[in-house]
Protein backbone atom coordinates (compact mmCIF):
# COMPACT_ATOMS: atom_id res chain seq x y z
CA UNK A 1 0.38 0.35 -0.36
CA UNK A 2 1.78 2.67 -1.26
CA UNK A 3 -0.31 5.46 1.02
CA UNK A 4 0.77 3.91 4.32
CA UNK A 5 4.85 2.94 3.34
CA UNK A 6 4.85 7.44 2.63
CA UNK A 7 2.75 7.65 5.77
CA UNK A 8 5.14 5.28 7.76
CA UNK A 9 7.77 7.67 6.43
CA UNK A 10 6.03 11.12 8.69
CA UNK A 11 6.69 12.23 11.83
CA UNK A 12 3.82 13.95 14.35
CA UNK A 13 5.96 15.63 17.46
CA UNK A 14 2.21 15.63 18.99
CA UNK A 15 1.12 11.95 18.64
CA UNK A 16 -0.46 10.53 21.73
CA UNK A 17 -2.27 7.38 19.94
CA UNK A 18 -1.52 5.47 17.13
CA UNK A 19 -3.75 2.61 15.72
CA UNK A 20 -2.66 0.07 12.57
CA UNK A 21 -5.06 -2.47 11.86
CA UNK A 22 -4.06 -2.91 8.37
CA UNK A 23 -0.46 -4.22 8.16
CA UNK A 24 1.04 -5.40 4.77
CA UNK A 25 4.26 -7.56 5.01
CA UNK A 26 7.79 -6.56 4.60
CA UNK A 27 7.11 -3.26 6.67
CA UNK A 28 8.18 -4.04 9.96
CA UNK A 29 10.88 -2.22 9.55
CA UNK A 30 9.15 1.16 8.60
CA UNK A 31 6.61 0.33 11.05
CA UNK A 32 9.51 -0.14 14.04
CA UNK A 33 11.64 3.21 12.89
CA UNK A 34 7.98 5.67 12.63
CA UNK A 35 7.38 4.13 16.75
CA UNK A 36 10.58 5.10 17.54
CA UNK A 37 10.76 8.65 16.24
CA UNK A 38 7.33 9.04 18.42
CA UNK A 39 8.32 8.85 22.18
CA UNK A 40 4.92 10.70 23.11
CA UNK A 41 2.86 7.64 22.36
CA UNK A 42 0.25 6.67 25.39
CA UNK A 43 -0.88 3.20 23.15
CA UNK A 44 -0.64 1.45 20.45
CA UNK A 45 -2.65 -1.07 18.67
CA UNK A 46 -1.28 -3.44 15.70
CA UNK A 47 -2.78 -5.96 14.36
CA UNK A 48 -1.00 -7.85 11.87
CA UNK A 49 -1.98 -11.07 10.05
CA UNK A 50 -1.37 -13.94 8.60
CA UNK A 51 1.87 -14.19 10.08
CA UNK A 52 4.29 -12.85 12.55
CA UNK A 53 7.26 -12.04 10.57
CA UNK A 54 10.47 -12.30 10.34
CA UNK A 55 11.91 -8.69 12.25
CA UNK A 56 14.08 -9.06 14.72
CA UNK A 57 11.78 -6.28 16.94
CA UNK A 58 13.65 -7.44 20.28
CA UNK A 59 16.91 -5.24 18.26
CA UNK A 60 15.14 -1.59 19.03
CA UNK A 61 13.99 -2.42 22.55
CA UNK A 62 18.33 -0.52 23.96
CA UNK A 63 17.30 2.76 22.09
CA UNK A 64 14.23 2.44 25.69
CA UNK A 65 11.78 3.07 22.47
CA UNK A 66 8.19 4.16 23.93
CA UNK A 67 8.97 5.35 27.68
CA UNK A 68 5.15 6.58 28.19
CA UNK A 69 3.40 3.96 26.46
CA UNK A 70 0.24 2.98 29.57
CA UNK A 71 -1.50 0.40 26.43
CA UNK A 72 -0.11 -1.72 24.16
CA UNK A 73 -2.50 -3.98 21.51
CA UNK A 74 -0.36 -5.97 19.30
CA UNK A 75 1.46 -9.77 19.05
CA UNK A 76 4.28 -10.67 20.90
CA UNK A 77 6.68 -10.11 18.27
CA UNK A 78 5.73 -6.11 18.36
CA UNK A 79 6.18 -6.13 22.64
CA UNK A 80 9.94 -7.89 22.37
CA UNK A 81 10.82 -3.95 21.43
CA UNK A 82 9.59 -2.49 24.67
CA UNK A 83 11.66 -2.64 28.07
CA UNK A 84 10.09 -2.95 31.37
CA UNK A 85 8.38 0.20 31.42
CA UNK A 86 5.91 1.53 34.92
CA UNK A 87 3.42 3.53 32.83
CA UNK A 88 2.52 0.39 31.03
CA UNK A 89 -0.22 -0.71 32.30
CA UNK A 90 -2.66 -2.42 29.87
CA UNK A 91 -1.78 -5.00 27.16
CA UNK A 92 -3.89 -7.01 24.44
CA UNK A 93 -1.39 -9.82 23.07
CA UNK A 94 -3.15 -11.08 19.17
CA UNK A 95 -1.30 -14.46 18.60
CA UNK A 96 -1.59 -15.93 15.11
CA UNK A 97 1.33 -18.15 15.00
CA UNK A 98 0.53 -21.86 16.33
CA UNK A 99 3.96 -22.38 17.49
CA UNK A 100 3.89 -19.29 19.09
CA UNK A 101 0.67 -20.33 21.24
CA UNK A 102 1.67 -23.80 22.55
CA UNK A 103 4.85 -22.54 23.32
CA UNK A 104 3.40 -19.31 25.23
CA UNK A 105 5.24 -19.92 28.82
CA UNK A 106 8.91 -19.49 26.57
CA UNK A 107 8.00 -16.95 24.65
CA UNK A 108 6.71 -14.58 27.20
CA UNK A 109 10.37 -15.22 28.73
CA UNK A 110 11.63 -13.86 25.09
CA UNK A 111 10.06 -9.82 26.88
CA UNK A 112 11.93 -7.52 29.08
CA UNK A 113 10.49 -8.64 32.00
CA UNK A 114 8.99 -7.86 34.53
CA UNK A 115 6.39 -5.48 33.33
CA UNK A 116 5.70 -4.65 36.62
CA UNK A 117 2.85 -1.75 35.88
CA UNK A 118 0.70 -4.22 33.73
CA UNK A 119 -2.48 -4.95 35.84
CA UNK A 120 -4.94 -5.96 32.32
CA UNK A 121 -4.18 -8.18 30.17
CA UNK A 122 -6.02 -9.92 27.14
CA UNK A 123 -4.72 -12.82 25.41
CA UNK A 124 -6.49 -13.27 22.25
CA UNK A 125 -5.06 -16.35 20.30
CA UNK A 126 -5.92 -19.70 18.27
CA UNK A 127 -5.23 -21.43 21.77
CA UNK A 128 -2.61 -21.31 24.86
CA UNK A 129 -2.45 -23.74 27.22
CA UNK A 130 -3.94 -23.90 30.92
CA UNK A 131 -0.83 -25.29 32.79
CA UNK A 132 1.78 -24.21 35.86
CA UNK A 133 4.11 -22.97 33.22
CA UNK A 134 2.01 -20.65 31.48
CA UNK A 135 0.41 -18.81 34.85
CA UNK A 136 3.99 -18.83 36.39
CA UNK A 137 4.91 -17.18 32.97
CA UNK A 138 3.04 -15.01 33.15
CA UNK A 139 3.22 -14.05 36.83
CA UNK A 140 6.82 -13.37 36.02
CA UNK A 141 6.39 -11.35 33.34
CA UNK A 142 3.59 -9.11 34.96
CA UNK A 143 3.57 -9.58 38.78
CA UNK A 144 0.67 -7.04 39.08
CA UNK A 145 -1.65 -8.43 37.14
CA UNK A 146 -5.26 -7.86 37.96
CA UNK A 147 -7.10 -9.20 35.33
CA UNK A 148 -6.71 -11.59 32.64
CA UNK A 149 -8.93 -12.41 30.02
CA UNK A 150 -9.61 -14.91 26.87
CA UNK A 151 -7.56 -18.21 27.89
CA UNK A 152 -9.69 -20.64 26.70
CA UNK A 153 -11.56 -23.67 28.19
CA UNK A 154 -10.33 -26.74 26.74
CA UNK A 155 -9.68 -30.29 28.23
CA UNK A 156 -6.34 -28.86 29.74
CA UNK A 157 -8.35 -26.83 31.95
CA UNK A 158 -10.75 -28.94 33.15
CA UNK A 159 -8.19 -31.38 33.59
CA UNK A 160 -5.86 -28.98 35.85
CA UNK A 161 -8.47 -27.75 38.21
CA UNK A 162 -9.29 -31.50 38.74
CA UNK A 163 -5.04 -30.99 39.72
CA UNK A 164 -3.46 -29.94 43.24
CA UNK A 165 -3.74 -26.43 42.24
CA UNK A 166 -2.98 -25.28 45.72
CA UNK A 167 1.16 -25.60 44.94
CA UNK A 168 0.82 -22.86 42.41
CA UNK A 169 -1.01 -20.49 44.37
CA UNK A 170 1.09 -18.04 44.38
CA UNK A 171 1.21 -17.66 40.67
CA UNK A 172 -0.15 -14.83 40.35
CA UNK A 173 -1.20 -13.56 44.03
CA UNK A 174 -2.87 -10.09 42.98
CA UNK A 175 -5.09 -11.03 40.28
CA UNK A 176 -8.57 -9.95 41.38
CA UNK A 177 -10.51 -11.02 37.63
CA UNK A 178 -10.08 -14.16 35.42
CA UNK A 179 -12.91 -14.00 31.75
CA UNK A 180 -12.48 -17.16 29.79
CA UNK A 181 -13.98 -18.14 26.31
CA UNK A 182 -15.18 -21.07 24.72
CA UNK A 183 -17.06 -21.62 21.66
CA UNK A 184 -20.02 -24.39 20.84
CA UNK A 185 -19.31 -25.60 17.66
CA UNK A 186 -22.25 -26.07 14.80
CA UNK A 187 -21.94 -29.70 16.04
CA UNK A 188 -22.70 -28.99 19.52
CA UNK A 189 -19.57 -29.80 20.66
CA UNK A 190 -17.05 -27.49 22.58
CA UNK A 191 -14.12 -26.51 20.03
CA UNK A 192 -10.26 -26.36 21.15
CA UNK A 193 -7.88 -25.20 18.36
CA UNK A 194 -5.50 -27.38 20.12
CA UNK A 195 -7.56 -30.11 21.14
CA UNK A 196 -10.23 -30.03 17.98
CA UNK A 197 -13.61 -30.29 18.86
CA UNK A 198 -14.66 -32.35 22.64
CA UNK A 199 -17.76 -32.95 24.76
CA UNK A 200 -18.80 -29.83 25.68
CA UNK A 201 -18.49 -29.75 30.07
CA UNK A 202 -22.16 -30.04 31.62
CA UNK A 203 -22.90 -27.46 33.77
CA UNK A 204 -22.39 -28.82 37.09
CA UNK A 205 -19.13 -29.91 35.39
CA UNK A 206 -17.95 -25.78 34.79
CA UNK A 207 -18.97 -25.02 38.13
CA UNK A 208 -17.13 -27.07 39.78
CA UNK A 209 -13.29 -26.80 38.15
CA UNK A 210 -14.46 -22.97 38.76
CA UNK A 211 -15.20 -23.45 42.48
CA UNK A 212 -11.92 -25.04 42.55
CA UNK A 213 -10.04 -20.89 40.92
CA UNK A 214 -10.69 -20.64 44.36
CA UNK A 215 -8.20 -23.15 45.59
CA UNK A 216 -5.69 -21.51 42.62
CA UNK A 217 -5.98 -17.65 43.32
CA UNK A 218 -7.12 -17.43 47.33
CA UNK A 219 -7.89 -13.30 47.55
CA UNK A 220 -11.38 -12.49 46.69
CA UNK A 221 -12.48 -12.92 42.73
CA UNK A 222 -14.84 -12.93 40.36
CA UNK A 223 -14.48 -15.18 37.38
CA UNK A 224 -16.75 -15.59 33.72
CA UNK A 225 -17.03 -18.65 31.61
CA UNK A 226 -17.98 -16.56 28.18
CA UNK A 227 -19.94 -19.57 26.23
CA UNK A 228 -20.06 -18.03 22.93
CA UNK A 229 -23.03 -20.50 20.78
CA UNK A 230 -22.22 -20.20 17.10
CA UNK A 231 -25.48 -21.60 15.87
CA UNK A 232 -27.93 -20.08 17.87
CA UNK A 233 -25.72 -16.84 17.79
CA UNK A 234 -25.60 -16.31 21.69
CA UNK A 235 -23.94 -15.89 24.63
CA UNK A 236 -24.11 -17.58 28.10
CA UNK A 237 -21.58 -16.37 31.03
CA UNK A 238 -21.59 -17.88 34.39
CA UNK A 239 -19.46 -15.51 36.62
CA UNK A 240 -18.54 -16.49 39.66
CA UNK A 241 -17.90 -14.09 43.11
CA UNK A 242 -15.20 -14.80 45.28
CA UNK A 243 -14.80 -13.39 48.99
CA UNK A 244 -12.69 -13.87 51.77
CA UNK A 245 -15.41 -14.59 54.39
CA UNK A 246 -18.49 -15.90 52.25
CA UNK A 247 -19.39 -18.43 49.79
CA UNK A 248 -19.08 -17.87 46.14
CA UNK A 249 -22.13 -16.82 44.73
CA UNK A 250 -22.95 -17.81 41.00
CA UNK A 251 -25.09 -15.26 38.36
CA UNK A 252 -26.01 -16.33 34.86
CA UNK A 253 -26.54 -14.00 31.78
CA UNK A 254 -27.88 -14.42 28.43
CA UNK A 255 -27.36 -12.24 25.56
CA UNK A 256 -27.95 -12.75 21.59
CA UNK A 257 -23.99 -12.59 19.66
CA UNK A 258 -24.65 -9.89 16.96
CA UNK A 259 -21.19 -10.97 14.62
């Protein structure tokens, strides 16, 4: 796109917000140069599809790029350019590479950790394993995390929550809100991009798995299960509220899915 290539060579001294929803291939160097040239940016959102590309984003880390950044949305590759910053507080990761999804824990270790100011992490990915490696990696990378969104209901999650999760109760000590997602496919089974279709857990099994979150995250917590019924165009939500003294409280809601 000639127009986009031209824009990436321009400089805007007072630019604070940058969002790029269409990123053509082979323009990573120009994009990196554009971001580095705008140190006043508070917000950066970059969507890359279909591949992560092969640009060495980590090579820009030493320049201390984007020192005032508060909100970041992009791929793990893009985030490698960031130095650890107390200003960054909200991160959304878009991961389209299957290998990066499966190796999510080790990919996080390639970042300039820890990002001690991040309190909100949202993950949009084909699949990220729900296991001890993933949880501890998230905790090391974002030690002050309060909200975690986007992790997927899968057989891994259901089996993991039946294990002795108390041993990992300090993996995310400040977590206060968890939102997990599940997609019910046309055949009525739940869909996991790593495991394929699997039988949709019934309400009782899901409640049991979510009640076990108290053993994993002992502090006050709200945990939401967002189930999207693709054929019915319907979203069902179950949210469990844990407090220090009272028994868990469950709320259920339904709403139409418009797209």
